[in-house]
């Protein structure tokens, strides 16, 4: 009786488990490749971010200039409306 169980185990269950493990490992390799692509893209992006402080300083200066211009314009409009 045990012999039949062992034969079924070897001929049915083990190949099914091997096939399932193969599918899981293939999916893992695809995920690993995608993660490597993301890492390469992040490394390339890091080089582009080195100028960020300069760009933020320029943006702050531009905002201040626009705010001054808007205040002057609002003051002129206020004089016209009075």
PDB file of N, CA and C in Angstrom:
ATOM      1  N   UNK A   1       0.818  -1.182   0.000  1.00  0.00           N
ATOM      2  CA  UNK A   1       0.000   0.000   0.000  1.00  0.00           C
ATOM      3  C   UNK A   1       0.874   1.264   0.000  1.00  0.00           C
ATOM      4  N   UNK A   2       1.892   1.258   0.843  1.00  0.00           N
ATOM      5  CA  UNK A   2       2.770   2.424   0.895  1.00  0.00           C
ATOM      6  C   UNK A   2       3.526   2.610  -0.414  1.00  0.00           C
ATOM      7  N   UNK A   3       3.724   1.548  -1.110  1.00  0.00           N
ATOM      8  CA  UNK A   3       4.457   1.616  -2.368  1.00  0.00           C
ATOM      9  C   UNK A   3       3.698   2.445  -3.396  1.00  0.00           C
ATOM     10  N   UNK A   4       2.388   2.270  -3.441  1.00  0.00           N
ATOM     11  CA  UNK A   4       1.584   3.049  -4.390  1.00  0.00           C
ATOM     12  C   UNK A   4       1.606   4.535  -4.034  1.00  0.00           C
ATOM     13  N   UNK A   5       1.539   4.827  -2.784  1.00  0.00           N
ATOM     14  CA  UNK A   5       1.607   6.225  -2.343  1.00  0.00           C
ATOM     15  C   UNK A   5       2.932   6.869  -2.703  1.00  0.00           C
ATOM     16  N   UNK A   6       4.003   6.118  -2.521  1.00  0.00           N
ATOM     17  CA  UNK A   6       5.329   6.647  -2.874  1.00  0.00           C
ATOM     18  C   UNK A   6       5.467   6.868  -4.372  1.00  0.00           C
ATOM     19  N   UNK A   7       4.930   5.965  -5.155  1.00  0.00           N
ATOM     20  CA  UNK A   7       4.992   6.102  -6.612  1.00  0.00           C
ATOM     21  C   UNK A   7       4.193   7.318  -7.062  1.00  0.00           C
ATOM     22  N   UNK A   8       2.997   7.488  -6.516  1.00  0.00           N
ATOM     23  CA  UNK A   8       2.178   8.661  -6.854  1.00  0.00           C
ATOM     24  C   UNK A   8       2.899   9.941  -6.438  1.00  0.00           C
ATOM     25  N   UNK A   9       3.514   9.908  -5.279  1.00  0.00           N
ATOM     26  CA  UNK A   9       4.268  11.074  -4.808  1.00  0.00           C
ATOM     27  C   UNK A   9       5.386  11.422  -5.782  1.00  0.00           C
ATOM     28  N   UNK A  10       6.125  10.452  -6.227  1.00  0.00           N
ATOM     29  CA  UNK A  10       7.252  10.698  -7.123  1.00  0.00           C
ATOM     30  C   UNK A  10       6.803  11.072  -8.531  1.00  0.00           C
ATOM     31  N   UNK A  11       5.736  10.509  -9.006  1.00  0.00           N
ATOM     32  CA  UNK A  11       5.324  10.730 -10.393  1.00  0.00           C
ATOM     33  C   UNK A  11       4.364  11.902 -10.579  1.00  0.00           C
ATOM     34  N   UNK A  12       3.670  12.322  -9.535  1.00  0.00           N
ATOM     35  CA  UNK A  12       2.671  13.387  -9.674  1.00  0.00           C
ATOM     36  C   UNK A  12       3.034  14.633  -8.866  1.00  0.00           C
ATOM     37  N   UNK A  13       3.218  14.456  -7.593  1.00  0.00           N
ATOM     38  CA  UNK A  13       3.382  15.599  -6.704  1.00  0.00           C
ATOM     39  C   UNK A  13       4.711  16.305  -6.931  1.00  0.00           C
ATOM     40  N   UNK A  14       5.791  15.584  -7.035  1.00  0.00           N
ATOM     41  CA  UNK A  14       7.108  16.196  -7.190  1.00  0.00           C
ATOM     42  C   UNK A  14       7.200  16.996  -8.496  1.00  0.00           C
ATOM     43  N   UNK A  15       6.766  16.473  -9.641  1.00  0.00           N
ATOM     44  CA  UNK A  15       6.824  17.296 -10.860  1.00  0.00           C
ATOM     45  C   UNK A  15       5.958  18.556 -10.788  1.00  0.00           C
ATOM     46  N   UNK A  16       4.804  18.449 -10.134  1.00  0.00           N
ATOM     47  CA  UNK A  16       3.940  19.637  -9.977  1.00  0.00           C
ATOM     48  C   UNK A  16       4.648  20.675  -9.124  1.00  0.00           C
ATOM     49  N   UNK A  17       5.274  20.256  -8.052  1.00  0.00           N
ATOM     50  CA  UNK A  17       6.001  21.195  -7.199  1.00  0.00           C
ATOM     51  C   UNK A  17       7.179  21.826  -7.939  1.00  0.00           C
ATOM     52  N   UNK A  18       7.880  21.045  -8.726  1.00  0.00           N
ATOM     53  CA  UNK A  18       9.007  21.579  -9.493  1.00  0.00           C
ATOM     54  C   UNK A  18       8.511  22.607 -10.513  1.00  0.00           C
ATOM     55  N   UNK A  19       7.391  22.332 -11.175  1.00  0.00           N
ATOM     56  CA  UNK A  19       6.831  23.277 -12.152  1.00  0.00           C
ATOM     57  C   UNK A  19       6.406  24.572 -11.469  1.00  0.00           C
ATOM     58  N   UNK A  20       5.771  24.473 -10.322  1.00  0.00           N
ATOM     59  CA  UNK A  20       5.356  25.678  -9.595  1.00  0.00           C
ATOM     60  C   UNK A  20       6.568  26.485  -9.131  1.00  0.00           C
ATOM     61  N   UNK A  21       7.577  25.824  -8.643  1.00  0.00           N
ATOM     62  CA  UNK A  21       8.787  26.511  -8.216  1.00  0.00           C
ATOM     63  C   UNK A  21       9.463  27.208  -9.392  1.00  0.00           C
ATOM     64  N   UNK A  22       9.455  26.562 -10.548  1.00  0.00           N
ATOM     65  CA  UNK A  22      10.033  27.156 -11.748  1.00  0.00           C
ATOM     66  C   UNK A  22       9.289  28.443 -12.125  1.00  0.00           C
ATOM     67  N   UNK A  23       7.970  28.428 -12.020  1.00  0.00           N
ATOM     68  CA  UNK A  23       7.186  29.639 -12.337  1.00  0.00           C
ATOM     69  C   UNK A  23       7.483  30.764 -11.353  1.00  0.00           C
ATOM     70  N   UNK A  24       7.605  30.425 -10.085  1.00  0.00           N
ATOM     71  CA  UNK A  24       7.903  31.438  -9.073  1.00  0.00           C
ATOM     72  C   UNK A  24       9.286  32.038  -9.305  1.00  0.00           C
ATOM     73  N   UNK A  25      10.254  31.195  -9.617  1.00  0.00           N
ATOM     74  CA  UNK A  25      11.609  31.699  -9.862  1.00  0.00           C
ATOM     75  C   UNK A  25      11.679  32.559 -11.121  1.00  0.00           C
ATOM     76  N   UNK A  26      10.911  32.214 -12.153  1.00  0.00           N
ATOM     77  CA  UNK A  26      10.877  33.029 -13.374  1.00  0.00           C
ATOM     78  C   UNK A  26      10.286  34.410 -13.072  1.00  0.00           C
ATOM     79  N   UNK A  27       9.224  34.442 -12.284  1.00  0.00           N
ATOM     80  CA  UNK A  27       8.635  35.729 -11.906  1.00  0.00           C
ATOM     81  C   UNK A  27       9.611  36.544 -11.065  1.00  0.00           C
ATOM     82  N   UNK A  28      10.335  35.892 -10.196  1.00  0.00           N
ATOM     83  CA  UNK A  28      11.327  36.576  -9.372  1.00  0.00           C
ATOM     84  C   UNK A  28      12.420  37.196 -10.239  1.00  0.00           C
ATOM     85  N   UNK A  29      12.849  36.502 -11.266  1.00  0.00           N
ATOM     86  CA  UNK A  29      13.864  37.048 -12.168  1.00  0.00           C
ATOM     87  C   UNK A  29      13.336  38.263 -12.920  1.00  0.00           C
ATOM     88  N   UNK A  30      12.074  38.250 -13.320  1.00  0.00           N
ATOM     89  CA  UNK A  30      11.485  39.415 -14.004  1.00  0.00           C
ATOM     90  C   UNK A  30      11.413  40.616 -13.054  1.00  0.00           C
ATOM     91  N   UNK A  31      11.047  40.363 -11.806  1.00  0.00           N
ATOM     92  CA  UNK A  31      10.997  41.443 -10.822  1.00  0.00           C
ATOM     93  C   UNK A  31      12.395  41.996 -10.574  1.00  0.00           C
ATOM     94  N   UNK A  32      13.368  41.125 -10.470  1.00  0.00           N
ATOM     95  CA  UNK A  32      14.751  41.562 -10.251  1.00  0.00           C
ATOM     96  C   UNK A  32      15.241  42.421 -11.414  1.00  0.00           C
ATOM     97  N   UNK A  33      14.923  42.024 -12.649  1.00  0.00           N
ATOM     98  CA  UNK A  33      15.324  42.815 -13.820  1.00  0.00           C
ATOM     99  C   UNK A  33      14.649  44.184 -13.806  1.00  0.00           C
ATOM    100  N   UNK A  34      13.384  44.232 -13.446  1.00  0.00           N
ATOM    101  CA  UNK A  34      12.683  45.513 -13.375  1.00  0.00           C
ATOM    102  C   UNK A  34      13.273  46.393 -12.277  1.00  0.00           C
ATOM    103  N   UNK A  35      13.622  45.809 -11.156  1.00  0.00           N
ATOM    104  CA  UNK A  35      14.234  46.581 -10.068  1.00  0.00           C
ATOM    105  C   UNK A  35      15.593  47.136 -10.486  1.00  0.00           C
ATOM    106  N   UNK A  36      16.347  46.353 -11.233  1.00  0.00           N
ATOM    107  CA  UNK A  36      17.633  46.850 -11.729  1.00  0.00           C
ATOM    108  C   UNK A  36      17.444  48.021 -12.682  1.00  0.00           C
ATOM    109  N   UNK A  37      16.405  47.962 -13.525  1.00  0.00           N
ATOM    110  CA  UNK A  37      16.109  49.075 -14.431  1.00  0.00           C
ATOM    111  C   UNK A  37      15.735  50.336 -13.648  1.00  0.00           C
ATOM    112  N   UNK A  38      14.944  50.161 -12.610  1.00  0.00           N
ATOM    113  CA  UNK A  38      14.556  51.307 -11.779  1.00  0.00           C
ATOM    114  C   UNK A  38      15.779  51.907 -11.105  1.00  0.00           C
ATOM    115  N   UNK A  39      16.656  51.074 -10.607  1.00  0.00           N
ATOM    116  CA  UNK A  39      17.873  51.557  -9.949  1.00  0.00           C
ATOM    117  C   UNK A  39      18.749  52.326 -10.926  1.00  0.00           C
ATOM    118  N   UNK A  40      18.882  51.832 -12.142  1.00  0.00           N
ATOM    119  CA  UNK A  40      19.684  52.537 -13.144  1.00  0.00           C
ATOM    120  C   UNK A  40      19.070  53.897 -13.471  1.00  0.00           C
ATOM    121  N   UNK A  41      17.755  53.952 -13.573  1.00  0.00           N
ATOM    122  CA  UNK A  41      17.088  55.223 -13.823  1.00  0.00           C
ATOM    123  C   UNK A  41      17.251  56.192 -12.665  1.00  0.00           C
ATOM    124  N   UNK A  42      17.196  55.681 -11.449  1.00  0.00           N
ATOM    125  CA  UNK A  42      17.365  56.544 -10.276  1.00  0.00           C
ATOM    126  C   UNK A  42      18.778  57.101 -10.209  1.00  0.00           C
ATOM    127  N   UNK A  43      19.752  56.298 -10.573  1.00  0.00           N
ATOM    128  CA  UNK A  43      21.135  56.779 -10.578  1.00  0.00           C
ATOM    129  C   UNK A  43      21.321  57.875 -11.617  1.00  0.00           C
ATOM    130  N   UNK A  44      20.689  57.726 -12.773  1.00  0.00           N
ATOM    131  CA  UNK A  44      20.778  58.755 -13.815  1.00  0.00           C
ATOM    132  C   UNK A  44      20.080  60.034 -13.358  1.00  0.00           C
ATOM    133  N   UNK A  45      18.978  59.896 -12.655  1.00  0.00           N
ATOM    134  CA  UNK A  45      18.237  61.060 -12.177  1.00  0.00           C
ATOM    135  C   UNK A  45      18.994  61.807 -11.090  1.00  0.00           C
ATOM    136  N   UNK A  46      19.753  61.109 -10.288  1.00  0.00           N
ATOM    137  CA  UNK A  46      20.512  61.743  -9.218  1.00  0.00           C
ATOM    138  C   UNK A  46      21.470  62.792  -9.759  1.00  0.00           C
ATOM    139  N   UNK A  47      22.082  62.521 -10.889  1.00  0.00           N
ATOM    140  CA  UNK A  47      22.989  63.488 -11.501  1.00  0.00           C
ATOM    141  C   UNK A  47      22.275  64.749 -11.944  1.00  0.00           C
ATOM    142  N   UNK A  48      21.001  64.629 -12.294  1.00  0.00           N
ATOM    143  CA  UNK A  48      20.228  65.790 -12.737  1.00  0.00           C
ATOM    144  C   UNK A  48      19.781  66.666 -11.563  1.00  0.00           C
ATOM    145  N   UNK A  49      19.814  66.150 -10.371  1.00  0.00           N
ATOM    146  CA  UNK A  49      19.309  66.890  -9.216  1.00  0.00           C
ATOM    147  C   UNK A  49      20.372  67.748  -8.538  1.00  0.00           C
ATOM    148  N   UNK A  50      21.598  67.710  -9.022  1.00  0.00           N
ATOM    149  CA  UNK A  50      22.661  68.470  -8.375  1.00  0.00           C
ATOM    150  C   UNK A  50      22.453  69.979  -8.501  1.00  0.00           C
ATOM    151  N   UNK A  51      21.769  70.437  -9.527  1.00  0.00           N
ATOM    152  CA  UNK A  51      21.560  71.880  -9.733  1.00  0.00           C
ATOM    153  C   UNK A  51      20.290  72.383  -9.050  1.00  0.00           C
ATOM    154  N   UNK A  52      19.613  71.539  -8.312  1.00  0.00           N
ATOM    155  CA  UNK A  52      18.339  71.923  -7.705  1.00  0.00           C
ATOM    156  C   UNK A  52      18.458  73.137  -6.767  1.00  0.00           C
ATOM    157  N   UNK A  53      19.436  73.230  -5.888  1.00  0.00           N
ATOM    158  CA  UNK A  53      19.509  74.414  -5.027  1.00  0.00           C
ATOM    159  C   UNK A  53      19.638  75.716  -5.823  1.00  0.00           C
ATOM    160  N   UNK A  54      20.427  75.711  -6.888  1.00  0.00           N
ATOM    161  CA  UNK A  54      20.551  76.913  -7.718  1.00  0.00           C
ATOM    162  C   UNK A  54      19.221  77.257  -8.367  1.00  0.00           C
ATOM    163  N   UNK A  55      18.539  76.260  -8.866  1.00  0.00           N
ATOM    164  CA  UNK A  55      17.257  76.503  -9.523  1.00  0.00           C
ATOM    165  C   UNK A  55      16.224  77.033  -8.531  1.00  0.00           C
ATOM    166  N   UNK A  56      16.233  76.523  -7.308  1.00  0.00           N
ATOM    167  CA  UNK A  56      15.301  77.017  -6.298  1.00  0.00           C
ATOM    168  C   UNK A  56      15.614  78.467  -5.923  1.00  0.00           C
ATOM    169  N   UNK A  57      16.891  78.822  -5.866  1.00  0.00           N
ATOM    170  CA  UNK A  57      17.261  80.203  -5.575  1.00  0.00           C
ATOM    171  C   UNK A  57      16.777  81.121  -6.697  1.00  0.00           C
ATOM    172  N   UNK A  58      16.930  80.698  -7.928  1.00  0.00           N
ATOM    173  CA  UNK A  58      16.445  81.494  -9.068  1.00  0.00           C
ATOM    174  C   UNK A  58      14.931  81.643  -9.011  1.00  0.00           C
ATOM    175  N   UNK A  59      14.240  80.572  -8.647  1.00  0.00           N
ATOM    176  CA  UNK A  59      12.785  80.626  -8.536  1.00  0.00           C
ATOM    177  C   UNK A  59      12.368  81.606  -7.445  1.00  0.00           C
ATOM    178  N   UNK A  60      13.052  81.580  -6.313  1.00  0.00           N
ATOM    179  CA  UNK A  60      12.736  82.517  -5.229  1.00  0.00           C
ATOM    180  C   UNK A  60      12.925  83.962  -5.680  1.00  0.00           C
ATOM    181  N   UNK A  61      13.993  84.237  -6.419  1.00  0.00           N
ATOM    182  CA  UNK A  61      14.229  85.594  -6.922  1.00  0.00           C
ATOM    183  C   UNK A  61      13.133  86.005  -7.897  1.00  0.00           C
ATOM    184  N   UNK A  62      12.721  85.111  -8.752  1.00  0.00           N
ATOM    185  CA  UNK A  62      11.667  85.413  -9.725  1.00  0.00           C
ATOM    186  C   UNK A  62      10.345  85.678  -9.020  1.00  0.00           C
ATOM    187  N   UNK A  63      10.026  84.889  -8.027  1.00  0.00           N
ATOM    188  CA  UNK A  63       8.781  85.087  -7.276  1.00  0.00           C
ATOM    189  C   UNK A  63       8.797  86.437  -6.572  1.00  0.00           C
ATOM    190  N   UNK A  64       9.923  86.799  -5.995  1.00  0.00           N
ATOM    191  CA  UNK A  64      10.024  88.094  -5.318  1.00  0.00           C
ATOM    192  C   UNK A  64       9.841  89.235  -6.314  1.00  0.00           C
ATOM    193  N   UNK A  65      10.439  89.120  -7.502  1.00  0.00           N
ATOM    194  CA  UNK A  65      10.300  90.168  -8.521  1.00  0.00           C
ATOM    195  C   UNK A  65       8.856  90.280  -8.999  1.00  0.00           C
ATOM    196  N   UNK A  66       8.188  89.165  -9.194  1.00  0.00           N
ATOM    197  CA  UNK A  66       6.786  89.186  -9.628  1.00  0.00           C
ATOM    198  C   UNK A  66       5.906  89.776  -8.531  1.00  0.00           C
ATOM    199  N   UNK A  67       6.186  89.431  -7.281  1.00  0.00           N
ATOM    200  CA  UNK A  67       5.394  89.975  -6.176  1.00  0.00           C
ATOM    201  C   UNK A  67       5.558  91.490  -6.099  1.00  0.00           C
ATOM    202  N   UNK A  68       6.784  91.987  -6.274  1.00  0.00           N
ATOM    203  CA  UNK A  68       7.000  93.436  -6.259  1.00  0.00           C
ATOM    204  C   UNK A  68       6.236  94.106  -7.392  1.00  0.00           C
ATOM    205  N   UNK A  69       6.295  93.531  -8.586  1.00  0.00           N
ATOM    206  CA  UNK A  69       5.573  94.081  -9.726  1.00  0.00           C
ATOM    207  C   UNK A  69       4.076  94.068  -9.497  1.00  0.00           C
ATOM    208  N   UNK A  70       3.562  93.004  -8.897  1.00  0.00           N
ATOM    209  CA  UNK A  70       2.125  92.917  -8.629  1.00  0.00           C
ATOM    210  C   UNK A  70       1.703  93.968  -7.609  1.00  0.00           C
ATOM    211  N   UNK A  71       2.535  94.200  -6.601  1.00  0.00           N
ATOM    212  CA  UNK A  71       2.205  95.228  -5.604  1.00  0.00           C
ATOM    213  C   UNK A  71       2.203  96.623  -6.228  1.00  0.00           C
ATOM    214  N   UNK A  72       3.184  96.901  -7.081  1.00  0.00           N
ATOM    215  CA  UNK A  72       3.210  98.202  -7.761  1.00  0.00           C
ATOM    216  C   UNK A  72       1.985  98.378  -8.646  1.00  0.00           C
ATOM    217  N   UNK A  73       1.613  97.329  -9.379  1.00  0.00           N
ATOM    218  CA  UNK A  73       0.449  97.396 -10.259  1.00  0.00           C
ATOM    219  C   UNK A  73      -0.819  97.599  -9.430  1.00  0.00           C
ATOM    220  N   UNK A  74      -0.951  96.872  -8.324  1.00  0.00           N
ATOM    221  CA  UNK A  74      -2.136  97.011  -7.478  1.00  0.00           C
ATOM    222  C   UNK A  74      -2.211  98.419  -6.896  1.00  0.00           C
ATOM    223  N   UNK A  75      -1.054  98.988  -6.536  1.00  0.00           N
ATOM    224  CA  UNK A  75      -1.062 100.356  -6.017  1.00  0.00           C
ATOM    225  C   UNK A  75      -1.515 101.349  -7.068  1.00  0.00           C
ATOM    226  N   UNK A  76      -1.068 101.168  -8.322  1.00  0.00           N
ATOM    227  CA  UNK A  76      -1.495 102.068  -9.401  1.00  0.00           C
ATOM    228  C   UNK A  76      -2.981 101.921  -9.680  1.00  0.00           C
ATOM    229  N   UNK A  77      -3.488 100.717  -9.668  1.00  0.00           N
ATOM    230  CA  UNK A  77      -4.919 100.482  -9.900  1.00  0.00           C
ATOM    231  C   UNK A  77      -5.733 101.102  -8.780  1.00  0.00           C
ATOM    232  N   UNK A  78      -5.227 100.974  -7.558  1.00  0.00           N
ATOM    233  CA  UNK A  78      -5.935 101.542  -6.417  1.00  0.00           C
ATOM    234  C   UNK A  78      -6.053 103.054  -6.559  1.00  0.00           C
ATOM    235  N   UNK A  79      -4.996 103.712  -7.015  1.00  0.00           N
ATOM    236  CA  UNK A  79      -5.034 105.169  -7.211  1.00  0.00           C
ATOM    237  C   UNK A  79      -6.040 105.529  -8.308  1.00  0.00           C
ATOM    238  N   UNK A  80      -6.118 104.735  -9.354  1.00  0.00           N
ATOM    239  CA  UNK A  80      -7.058 105.015 -10.435  1.00  0.00           C
ATOM    240  C   UNK A  80      -8.513 104.831  -9.995  1.00  0.00           C
ATOM    241  N   UNK A  81      -8.748 103.881  -9.123  1.00  0.00           N
ATOM    242  CA  UNK A  81     -10.112 103.600  -8.688  1.00  0.00           C
ATOM    243  C   UNK A  81     -10.594 104.553  -7.598  1.00  0.00           C
ATOM    244  N   UNK A  82      -9.709 105.239  -6.943  1.00  0.00           N
ATOM    245  CA  UNK A  82     -10.137 106.156  -5.880  1.00  0.00           C
ATOM    246  C   UNK A  82     -10.701 107.423  -6.416  1.00  0.00           C
TER     247      UNK A  82
END
